[in-house]
Amino acid sequence: MKEQQKKIKDSVGVKLLKKKKRTSWFLKVKDIYSRSDERIQQVDGGFFEKFGSLFREHAEMAKTKEQEEKREVAEKAAEITPKEGDEEDNDETTLPVIAESEAEDSAASASDSDSETEKDKGDLIAAAFNIDELYTEILYIIIHNVGCNVEVSQNALFSYAQDAFRIPNDKHRKLMEEAESKADPELMINVEVIEAKELRSKDSNGLSDPFVTLYLASNSSHRYNTSVKSMTLNPIWEEHFALPITDKSIDDSLCLEVWDFDPAETVKEKLGKIFDVKGVKGMRKLVKEIAVTATTGQHVNELIGRANIPLNTIPASGMTMWYSLDKKNKVTRQGIVKVRVSFSSGKNNQVAQQEHRHMRRIILLHELELSKVAPHWWCGNFTYQGQQLLDQHIAQSGLTQTEVELCAYSVYAGVHQNHPLSFTLFSKSLEKLVKPLQTETICEEEVKLFWEATKKLLPSCFSIIRKIRKKGTTEKAVMKQVIEVLKILNYIGILEPRNIELFPSNLYPWVTFHGDGPNCDILGTLSDAVSQGANDWLNHLIENNRKPDESELARLQNLIQLIQLVRSDLQKAIEFYDKLFIDLVKFQYAKCLYIFYQAKIATLCEPEVREICKSLKKLHYIGYSYTSAPTNSDPEEDPLSEGTSLFEVYLAVQRFVTLGQGLCPADYDTFHIKNFHQWFHGGVAQWLDIAVYKALIRIEKAVELDQLVHVDTNLKYSSSAVDALTIFYQVKTFWQQLNWPDVEGCYTFIAKIIDDICRCCVFYADKMAARVDGMGDSQDVYEKKFEVTNEWCLAINNIDYVRETLEPFTRDLGMEDVLKKLADIKSPVEADRCRNTLNNVISNAIDTVRNKIIELLEIVANKMGPSMKRLLIEGAELGSQGCNTIDRLMMYVDTNLSTLHRELNDENFNRILEIVWDLLSEILNEIIQTNLEKRRPPPFFAKLRETLNLMLGSFKNPDDCSNCDALRRTEQILKINGLETADLIHQAYIEMANIFDKSKETPYGEISFRCRFQGDSLQIEVINARNLFAMDSNGASDSFVRIHLFPEHKFIGVDKPKTKTHNKTLFPLYDETFTIDLNPEQASIEDGLILFSVKDKDMLGYNNQYIGEAFLKFKDIPRTESSLSSLPQVKKWLCRPTTTETNVLKALETRQGDKQAKDFLRKYKQRMGS
């Protein structure tokens, strides 16, 4: 058992496929080398292997065995099936002799063939005919022997007849004298002129008009002529003649002359044939005919050729032969003629037939007694003495071939009841009798005789059909018998017997005929015989294969064996006999057998299977828990000890039903067995309950035994993942082997399987998470930290790998096909509802498992968090003095990320990177907030940002960091808080400029100006303002423009020009130009800004009011030598600050002790409130 289980485990997979994408999840599993311990299988006794791989192997073995058996049967059938043109084996071979004991057996067999027994030989003769009279007639026939038969002397025939009739010598002599005293018989020679071929042409047209003249050489004046066949060289006559002969005519000859008829024609009529002349030779013939007619006026028939048949060459039984036609002075043959010649007498026909029947019976019984020939072997070959006596009687009685055949058929059918003869004898005889019987050329008495004989023959024919499986006879001999029996039944069926009781109920108790009239239904009786034979054989099998052990397992094994034997019998029927039955009697033998067997198998199997399914041990477990395995209240009991055999029965019946679909497509829907799956419904449901219970136990054991090492160098998961998938694979294999035919039941089971597998996936994820909990934690005297381990990565990969199998698993179960069929049977709406239900189950399970993976990844990241936080703070605190801390941070991050990158698959690595970014952002935000509260100086935050960037540089792909918005925002906050106050203020101006540039129309008005750099000089032309905001009570403003350059600390000492004040107008025209000289460094500041501040002048000049402002960036100012007036005007909307919620302003607000920051914020807020 262990070796077999190991084989199954190895079959799950040997190596990884190098292709990353596979269409089917179980093919992946199959190609994985599983090193899990056999202890996992021992948990449930190889439960899944039994019902998965072993179940499939048993099915494949059974299928292979059936195919091999089919091939062998077909080969054997091809060997023994008689080929077209084959001669009968026992026609010319020596007859086998049977011993006395065998003779007794054969007699018993004959009596068992539903036939009436024949009377004793002596009784038969006495009852039907006076023995002395018949014997005297035989002697008379021998004395007046006719024909050329000389194989046996006259004395030998006398001796043979005396032995056959058991006549004592005294009586023989007395009867001999009576025979000799009788007058000579009146004999006739019967001649049938059948046809002629290859005759010589005698007419000018290349043809002849032949007719035949026949006569005895001793009486040439008494001639007989056939009809004339015009213009042919191959005439057909088929005309009969009878010529009287005497005993003295034995040396006489029968003469046949073939003539060309020459009609009486005038010269003019003969000249009219000139257009029909064929060749020069034909022309000469025509000229000769015209000359003869013109000279004599006569017409003369011309001899074509003649043949002589000596009467002493004609056998008593007659003969049919081709004879050459010769002509005097001609060397070559003039043609050939075919004639049938026989002897006859003028005896009364009915008496002659009666004599012949009893004579043939006596001779046959005598020869059978002497030869001890085996049953069913004698096929019509008498000894020379017997055959000569029969031939002489036929010849001297004038019996026709049909009458002789009918007599023989009647005699053989009677003898056949006690001593079975060869069926070939009867089939050949019937072949000759069918036509005369159909054309009604036989009298009513003879027809009655035929049907009486047929009634005697038929029981043995149907006995052969019933006992077609009988042992002790070679298959070739059985097939030969079957062929001949079918020929017999075919001939009898052709005759269409009506109102004849061929099958009386006392001889055929198994016939199911329910008609009103006499039973003459050949095919109906044949069908009953086939069914009865199958029933007898099936009962024999049941009795002989019954085991004393009546356990459920033994009963199932009996059913399996019985179904296999029945299928073998059907296969043999298909290969050996079905074509024979169809070709010979238009009867579907295999179909008839299947219809009988399916009903019987259903009757035998259904109650057994249903009872065993009900008796399967139930599981009484507390329930499923994803943190602990389910517990069985009776763990010692095997819940399904008979399960394997039960489903072997299922497969056997399934293959049997599949065979029936091919054999009986039209009748299949009427078979009860087609719903065989319903018998197993309870068993399958119980098996699935047990399967999920055992799956959870096995998963728990697999996780427990998992060493958390790679199953292969190319794979990123460990043994427990393979063990879990092996369970799924075995369940899928079991389901595919079931091939459940009922769509609704199929959906129910698939839904349960999917639900159970999803449950197992979630259970596995929980167990795997618990397995690695606590791994990677370490502590020394200096610190407590967490290192990412291979085990953590494998656990994550394992769970993810199992999760990936869920959707492919449902496809492999055939879910979509079932739903399509359900849509056809029910409705598309119902199918969609079912699909949504299943998809929800799958989606929920996938989401649950995916969340478990994310939960594990978060645990890993969170365990890394404290170490990263401490190292970041140390790096920021110590600055350049803490280079060792920076190195330690870099090493910690690099080591852990390298492990994650190496061990996790790409998807999970990207997931944990995102989690690490978010975690890092949270850590940094916490550090920033804490240190802002502590009013740490900008260098602290600058160094913290530098440390962060160094750490991010250690990631395998630093560009990925830019995808994390939270981290990007945090890094920006660090950058801002790391700036000095002056730089931070300038950053605030830059933010304001960006915001103002995006502004649309404002209520504060619009300002127009031109600017250019000429060398290091900055020229500014303030042109005008439009729609200024009214600052005075008169609805106008007294505005002027003040120009500032930023960053302010880099333009110390630079003038801040101001325009003139334009009073009481909202559309001032300033039209003033200012030139500001800058040094090269100032002129090249990239983020430099010009601020145009528009104010309303107070009457006294001390409290000017703020209207709005606009910014222009240095990078937007052209550097050109062109005149300022040639440049386009720049128009900007005047805006005011609107918020203090930017990161820059918040950073400035934290600098409470910085006068510069406080002054900027005060002025900024004043501008907001203006």
Foldseek 3Di string as FASTA:
>chain_A
DLVLLVVLLLQQADAADPDPDDLFLSVRRRHFRFPFDCVLCVLQVVLLCLLFVVLVVVLVVLVVVLVVLLVVLLVVQVVLPDDPPDDDPQPPDDFDFDDPVLLVVVLVVLLVLLFDAFDDLVVVPVVQHDLLVLLLVLLLLLVLDFAQDDPDDSVRLLVLSCLLSVPDPVSSVVSNVVSVPDDFFWKKKKKWFFKWAQAAAQAQLRFFFKKKKKDKPVCVVDIDIFDTHPGHRIDGGRDMDIGTDGSVLQQIKMKMWMKGDDDQDALVVLVVCPVSGDDPVSVVSSVVQSVCCVVPVDTDIGTRFMDIGRRRNAHLLWDWDKDWGDDPPDPDTRIITIMTIHMEGDADQVVLLSSLLSLLLSQVVSVCVVRNGAAQNAQDDGPPSSVSSSSSSCRHHVDDPLSNLLSVLLSQLNVCSRGNYHLLNVLVSLVVNLVCLQVVVDDPVSVVSNLVSLLSNVSNLLVLLLCLVPPPDDNSVSLSRVLSSLSNLLSLVSSPDDQDQSDDCSSVVQQPDDDDGHDPDSQSVSLSSNLNSLVVVLVVLCVVQQDPDPDLLSLLVSLLVSLSVLVSVLSSCVSNPQVSNCVRPVHRSSLSSLLSVLVVSCVSPLVSLLVVLVVQAAFDWPDPDLQDAIDTPCSVDNRCPNLSSSVSSLLSLVVSLVVNCVSPVPCSVVGPSVVVVVSCLSVLVRVLVVLLNSLLVSLLVLLVSWPLDPSDPVDQATNSLSVNVSSLSSVLSSLVSSVDDDLVSLLVSLLSSLLSNLVSLLSNLNSLLVSCPPPQWDDDPPGTAGADDSSLQNSLQSSVSSLVNSVSSSVSSVLVVSLVVVCVVPNVVVSVVSVVVSVVSSVVSSVSSVVSSLVSLLVNLVRHLVVLLVLLQQQLVCPPNVVVSLVVNQVRLLRRLVSNVVNHPPVSSLSSVLSNLVSVLVSLVVVVVVVLVVVDALSSLVSSLVSVVSNLVSHPDSVSSVVHPSNVVSSVLSVLSNDDPLVLLLVVVLVVQVVQVPDDADQQWKWKKFWAAAPQKIKIWGFKIANGQQDDPVRFFFKKKWKAKPPNVVQPPWDTDIFHTHPGHRIDGRGDMDMTGDDPVSLPDQFMKMKIWMWGADPVRPDIGGRFIHMDGSVNHYHDPDDRVPDDMDMGHGDADADCPDSSSVSLVSPVVDPVSVVSVVVNVSRNVD
